[in-house]
Protein backbone atom coordinates (compact mmCIF):
# COMPACT_ATOMS: atom_id res chain seq x y z
CA MET A 1 2.85 18.28 -11.49
CA TRP A 2 4.08 21.63 -10.20
CA GLY A 3 6.97 20.72 -7.97
CA LEU A 4 9.35 22.54 -5.68
CA ASN A 5 12.36 21.36 -7.65
CA ASP A 6 10.99 23.07 -10.75
CA HIS A 7 11.28 26.46 -9.04
CA LEU A 8 14.31 26.47 -6.79
CA THR A 9 16.97 26.83 -9.49
CA PHE A 10 19.52 29.16 -7.91
CA ALA A 11 22.35 30.21 -10.21
CA VAL A 12 25.95 30.50 -9.10
CA HIS A 13 26.59 33.70 -11.06
CA GLY A 14 24.51 36.84 -11.55
CA GLY A 15 22.29 36.57 -14.59
CA GLY A 16 19.94 39.21 -13.29
CA ASP A 17 18.63 40.18 -16.74
CA ASN A 18 17.54 36.62 -17.53
CA GLY A 19 16.00 35.79 -14.16
CA GLY A 20 18.99 33.92 -12.72
CA GLY A 21 21.03 34.41 -9.57
CA VAL A 22 19.60 35.10 -6.12
CA ALA A 23 16.91 37.40 -7.49
CA GLY A 24 15.71 34.71 -9.86
CA GLY A 25 15.75 32.11 -7.11
CA VAL A 26 13.64 34.30 -4.80
CA GLU A 27 11.21 34.96 -7.63
CA SER A 28 10.91 31.23 -8.29
CA LEU A 29 10.30 30.54 -4.60
CA LEU A 30 7.58 33.22 -4.39
CA SER A 31 5.99 31.85 -7.54
CA PHE A 32 5.99 28.35 -6.09
CA MET A 33 4.44 29.56 -2.83
CA GLU A 34 1.74 31.40 -4.75
CA VAL A 35 0.83 28.23 -6.63
CA LEU A 36 0.96 26.26 -3.38
CA VAL A 37 -1.60 28.54 -1.73
CA ARG A 38 -4.07 27.94 -4.56
CA GLN A 39 -3.81 24.16 -4.29
CA SER A 40 -5.80 21.79 -2.12
CA PRO A 41 -3.98 20.11 0.84
CA SER A 42 -3.50 16.88 -1.12
CA GLU A 43 -2.16 18.75 -4.15
CA SER A 44 0.16 20.76 -1.91
CA LEU A 45 1.51 17.57 -0.34
CA ASP A 46 2.03 16.10 -3.79
CA SER A 47 4.00 19.20 -4.80
CA LEU A 48 6.12 19.29 -1.65
CA LEU A 49 6.69 15.54 -1.15
CA PRO A 50 6.01 13.71 -4.43
CA GLY A 51 7.97 10.67 -3.28
CA VAL A 52 5.85 10.26 -0.15
CA THR A 53 2.55 10.58 -2.02
CA ALA A 54 3.74 7.93 -4.51
CA LEU A 55 4.11 5.35 -1.73
CA GLN A 56 1.54 2.55 -1.63
CA ASN A 57 2.08 2.25 2.13
CA ILE A 58 4.19 3.93 4.81
CA HIS A 59 6.36 0.89 5.59
CA PRO A 60 9.24 2.06 3.32
CA LEU A 61 9.05 5.49 4.96
CA LEU A 62 9.52 4.05 8.47
CA VAL A 63 11.88 1.14 7.88
CA HIS A 64 15.08 3.19 7.75
CA PHE A 65 14.65 4.50 11.28
CA PRO A 66 14.98 1.20 13.20
CA ILE A 67 17.83 0.14 10.91
CA ALA A 68 19.82 3.30 11.68
CA LEU A 69 18.87 3.62 15.36
CA LEU A 70 19.41 -0.01 16.36
CA THR A 71 22.67 -0.22 14.42
CA MET A 72 23.92 2.87 16.25
CA PHE A 73 22.81 1.33 19.55
CA PHE A 74 24.87 -1.82 19.03
CA THR A 75 27.91 0.10 17.75
CA LEU A 76 27.99 2.62 20.59
CA ASP A 77 27.20 0.04 23.27
CA LEU A 78 30.00 -2.21 22.08
CA ILE A 79 32.53 0.63 21.89
CA GLY A 80 31.38 1.99 25.24
CA SER A 81 31.81 -1.41 26.86
CA VAL A 82 35.28 -2.02 25.40
CA ALA A 83 36.50 1.52 26.11
CA LYS A 84 34.69 1.64 29.48
CA ARG A 85 32.90 4.85 28.52
CA SER A 86 29.63 5.00 30.44
CA GLU A 87 28.46 8.13 28.61
CA TRP A 88 28.65 6.27 25.30
CA ARG A 89 26.50 3.51 26.72
CA GLN A 90 23.95 6.04 27.93
CA ILE A 91 23.68 7.42 24.41
CA ALA A 92 23.43 3.86 23.12
CA GLY A 93 20.48 3.28 25.44
CA ALA A 94 18.66 6.28 23.95
CA PHE A 95 19.20 4.87 20.45
CA LEU A 96 17.86 1.51 21.64
CA TYR A 97 14.64 2.97 23.05
CA LEU A 98 13.96 5.07 19.96
CA GLY A 99 14.84 2.15 17.68
CA THR A 100 12.42 -0.11 19.52
CA VAL A 101 9.58 2.39 19.14
CA PHE A 102 10.23 2.78 15.41
CA ALA A 103 10.61 -0.99 15.05
CA ALA A 104 7.10 -1.41 16.47
CA LEU A 105 5.71 1.17 14.05
CA THR A 106 7.59 -0.41 11.14
CA VAL A 107 6.41 -3.95 11.92
CA ALA A 108 2.80 -2.76 12.24
CA ALA A 109 3.01 -0.94 8.91
CA GLY A 110 4.68 -3.96 7.33
CA LEU A 111 1.91 -6.32 8.45
CA VAL A 112 -0.66 -3.99 6.92
CA ALA A 113 1.38 -3.70 3.72
CA ALA A 114 1.74 -7.49 3.41
CA GLY A 115 -2.01 -7.81 3.08
CA SER A 116 -2.42 -5.02 0.56
CA VAL A 117 0.62 -5.16 -1.75
CA ALA A 118 0.34 -7.31 -4.87
CA HIS A 119 2.90 -10.12 -5.01
CA GLY A 120 3.39 -13.59 -6.44
CA GLY A 121 4.16 -16.92 -4.84
CA ASP A 122 7.94 -16.54 -5.08
CA VAL A 123 7.77 -13.16 -3.35
CA HIS A 124 5.31 -14.47 -0.78
CA GLU A 125 7.92 -16.82 0.67
CA ILE A 126 10.48 -14.00 0.88
CA MET A 127 7.86 -11.77 2.48
CA GLU A 128 7.10 -14.41 5.12
CA HIS A 129 10.77 -14.68 6.08
CA HIS A 130 11.06 -10.88 6.11
CA GLU A 131 8.02 -10.66 8.39
CA HIS A 132 9.37 -13.27 10.82
CA LEU A 133 12.73 -11.51 10.98
CA GLY A 134 11.05 -8.16 11.60
CA ILE A 135 8.99 -9.56 14.47
CA SER A 136 12.13 -11.18 15.89
CA VAL A 137 13.96 -7.84 15.76
CA LEU A 138 11.09 -6.12 17.55
CA SER A 139 10.87 -8.83 20.22
CA LEU A 140 14.60 -8.83 20.93
CA ALA A 141 14.81 -5.03 20.94
CA THR A 142 11.90 -4.90 23.39
CA ALA A 143 13.60 -7.44 25.66
CA LEU A 144 16.91 -5.53 25.61
CA SER A 145 15.08 -2.26 26.31
CA ALA A 146 13.23 -3.79 29.27
CA TRP A 147 16.47 -5.28 30.63
CA ARG A 148 18.20 -1.92 30.35
CA LEU A 149 15.35 -0.06 32.03
CA PHE A 150 14.99 -2.46 34.95
CA SER A 151 18.76 -2.52 35.53
CA LYS A 152 18.91 1.29 35.21
CA GLY A 153 21.69 0.90 32.66
CA LEU A 154 24.04 -0.84 35.11
CA ILE A 155 24.87 -4.01 33.20
CA VAL A 156 28.35 -5.33 33.99
CA GLY A 157 30.39 -8.53 34.10
CA PRO A 158 29.01 -11.75 32.58
CA ALA A 159 25.58 -10.14 32.28
CA ASN A 160 27.03 -7.48 30.01
CA THR A 161 28.71 -10.15 27.88
CA LEU A 162 25.34 -11.83 27.39
CA TYR A 163 23.72 -8.46 26.73
CA LEU A 164 26.23 -7.60 24.01
CA LEU A 165 25.83 -11.06 22.47
CA LEU A 166 22.07 -10.52 22.23
CA ALA A 167 22.68 -7.06 20.81
CA ALA A 168 24.95 -8.60 18.14
CA ILE A 169 22.22 -11.11 17.28
CA LEU A 170 19.79 -8.19 17.02
CA ALA A 171 22.11 -6.43 14.57
CA ALA A 172 22.45 -9.60 12.49
CA LEU A 173 18.68 -10.17 12.36
CA LEU A 174 18.25 -6.54 11.36
CA ALA A 175 20.72 -6.95 8.50
CA PHE A 176 19.02 -10.12 7.22
CA ALA A 177 15.58 -8.47 7.40
CA ALA A 178 16.84 -5.41 5.52
CA ASP A 179 18.45 -7.64 2.89
CA LEU A 180 15.18 -9.45 2.19
CA GLY A 181 13.32 -6.15 2.05
CA GLY A 182 15.77 -4.86 -0.53
CA LEU A 183 15.45 -8.11 -2.48
CA MET A 184 11.68 -7.73 -2.73
CA VAL A 185 11.89 -4.12 -3.90
CA TYR A 186 14.96 -4.04 -6.13
CA LYS A 187 14.69 -7.48 -7.73
CA HIS A 188 10.95 -8.21 -7.72
CA GLY A 189 9.63 -4.63 -7.80
CA VAL A 190 7.23 -5.07 -4.88
CA SER A 191 5.29 -1.86 -4.19
CA VAL A 192 6.91 -0.18 -7.20
CA HIS A 193 4.44 1.54 -9.56
CA ALA A 194 6.45 0.72 -12.68
CA ALA A 195 6.14 -3.00 -11.88
CA ASP A 196 2.46 -2.94 -10.87
CA GLN A 197 1.16 -4.86 -13.88
CA VAL A 198 3.69 -7.64 -13.44
CA ASN A 199 2.98 -7.90 -9.72
CA GLN A 200 -0.79 -7.89 -10.25
CA ALA A 201 -0.47 -10.78 -12.70
CA ALA A 202 1.79 -12.65 -10.26
CA ALA A 203 -0.72 -12.06 -7.47
CA ARG A 204 -3.55 -13.54 -9.54
CA ALA A 205 -1.39 -16.56 -10.32
CA HIS A 206 -0.55 -16.90 -6.62
CA GLU A 207 -4.25 -16.90 -5.70
CA HIS A 208 -4.91 -19.84 -8.03
CA GLU A 209 -1.73 -21.65 -7.04
CA GLY A 210 -3.54 -23.94 -4.62
CA ALA A 211 -6.00 -25.13 -7.27
CA VAL A 212 -3.17 -25.78 -9.73
CA GLU A 213 -1.16 -27.72 -7.16
CA ASP A 214 -4.16 -29.96 -6.45
CA SER A 215 -4.24 -31.02 -10.10
CA LEU A 216 -0.49 -31.64 -10.39
CA PRO A 217 -0.31 -35.15 -8.80
CA ALA A 218 -2.83 -36.64 -11.26
CA THR A 219 -1.04 -35.09 -14.22
CA HIS A 220 2.28 -36.37 -12.92
CA GLU A 221 0.94 -39.90 -12.63
CA GLU A 222 -0.45 -39.78 -16.16
CA ALA A 223 2.95 -38.66 -17.46
CA GLU A 224 4.64 -41.56 -15.66
CA VAL A 225 2.18 -44.07 -17.15
CA GLU A 226 2.81 -42.76 -20.65
CA ASP A 227 6.56 -43.08 -20.18
CA LEU A 228 6.33 -46.77 -19.18
CA LYS A 229 7.39 -49.48 -21.62
CA PRO A 230 4.60 -51.73 -22.99
CA GLU A 231 5.48 -54.62 -20.69
CA ASP A 232 5.80 -52.27 -17.73
CA SER A 233 2.48 -50.71 -18.61
CA HIS A 234 0.83 -54.15 -18.75
CA HIS A 235 2.39 -55.10 -15.42
CA ASP A 236 1.28 -51.80 -13.88
CA GLU A 237 -2.26 -52.36 -15.13
CA ALA A 238 -2.31 -55.81 -13.57
CA ALA A 239 -0.94 -54.56 -10.27
CA HIS A 240 -2.87 -51.33 -9.91
CA GLY A 241 -5.37 -50.46 -12.61
CA VAL A 242 -7.14 -53.82 -12.99
CA ALA A 243 -7.64 -54.06 -9.27
CA GLY A 244 -9.76 -50.97 -9.49
CA HIS A 245 -11.86 -52.40 -12.37
CA HIS A 246 -12.35 -55.69 -10.53
CA HIS A 247 -13.48 -53.68 -7.56
CA ASP A 248 -16.13 -52.02 -9.71
CA HIS A 249 -17.32 -55.25 -11.30
CA HIS A 250 -17.50 -56.92 -7.92
CA HIS A 251 -19.94 -54.25 -6.82
CA ALA A 252 -21.85 -54.57 -10.08
CA HIS A 253 -22.55 -58.20 -9.32
């Protein structure tokens, strides 16, 4: 891959006779642009933003925006309330509205990703909790945004105490959701190319999990029967097993 980083190698010192320095950097940039013009749009995007083109879905690209924006909202709103700085609270409101919009985009992308990213049964449970937390964040952020809009930003007294409490809960839910997202990526390798084979195998096992679970009770009972002592086994046969055989013979007659 012909990437931008391969060309923009500016040197601190001169080095004009070996292509370094500012002259060498400009030459590298012009060379890169020349190659870029010859490429197709997809190849150009891969050269400019290789990390973006490597993504399996856009959820990781969006998720940082609501985390940053909603965290800034809570921080500025709390400080503005304590310090009685209305201008800080106005800025906090802008962060809230933007954070809510990006939260909606992030949740939508996450729901799409959940149905397309390979994962096993252990990750599936984490993903479900992550999904529920994300939807909770979006719902609470939407409610706080609506409250702020309808009140025109004039939230004071006990109402403001409740508002800040809900904003604190929003920040906590956001932190828990982000933690589970990091757990899926950095521990289980979800949506990471290097871990694709492992995740594909786990996904196949997860698909057959229901069939395996259906067979587990019978196997468990057989193991318990084998572990019984002879007298216990005889007693169990009289109490349970023989009743079934008598039932069959009764029908035979």
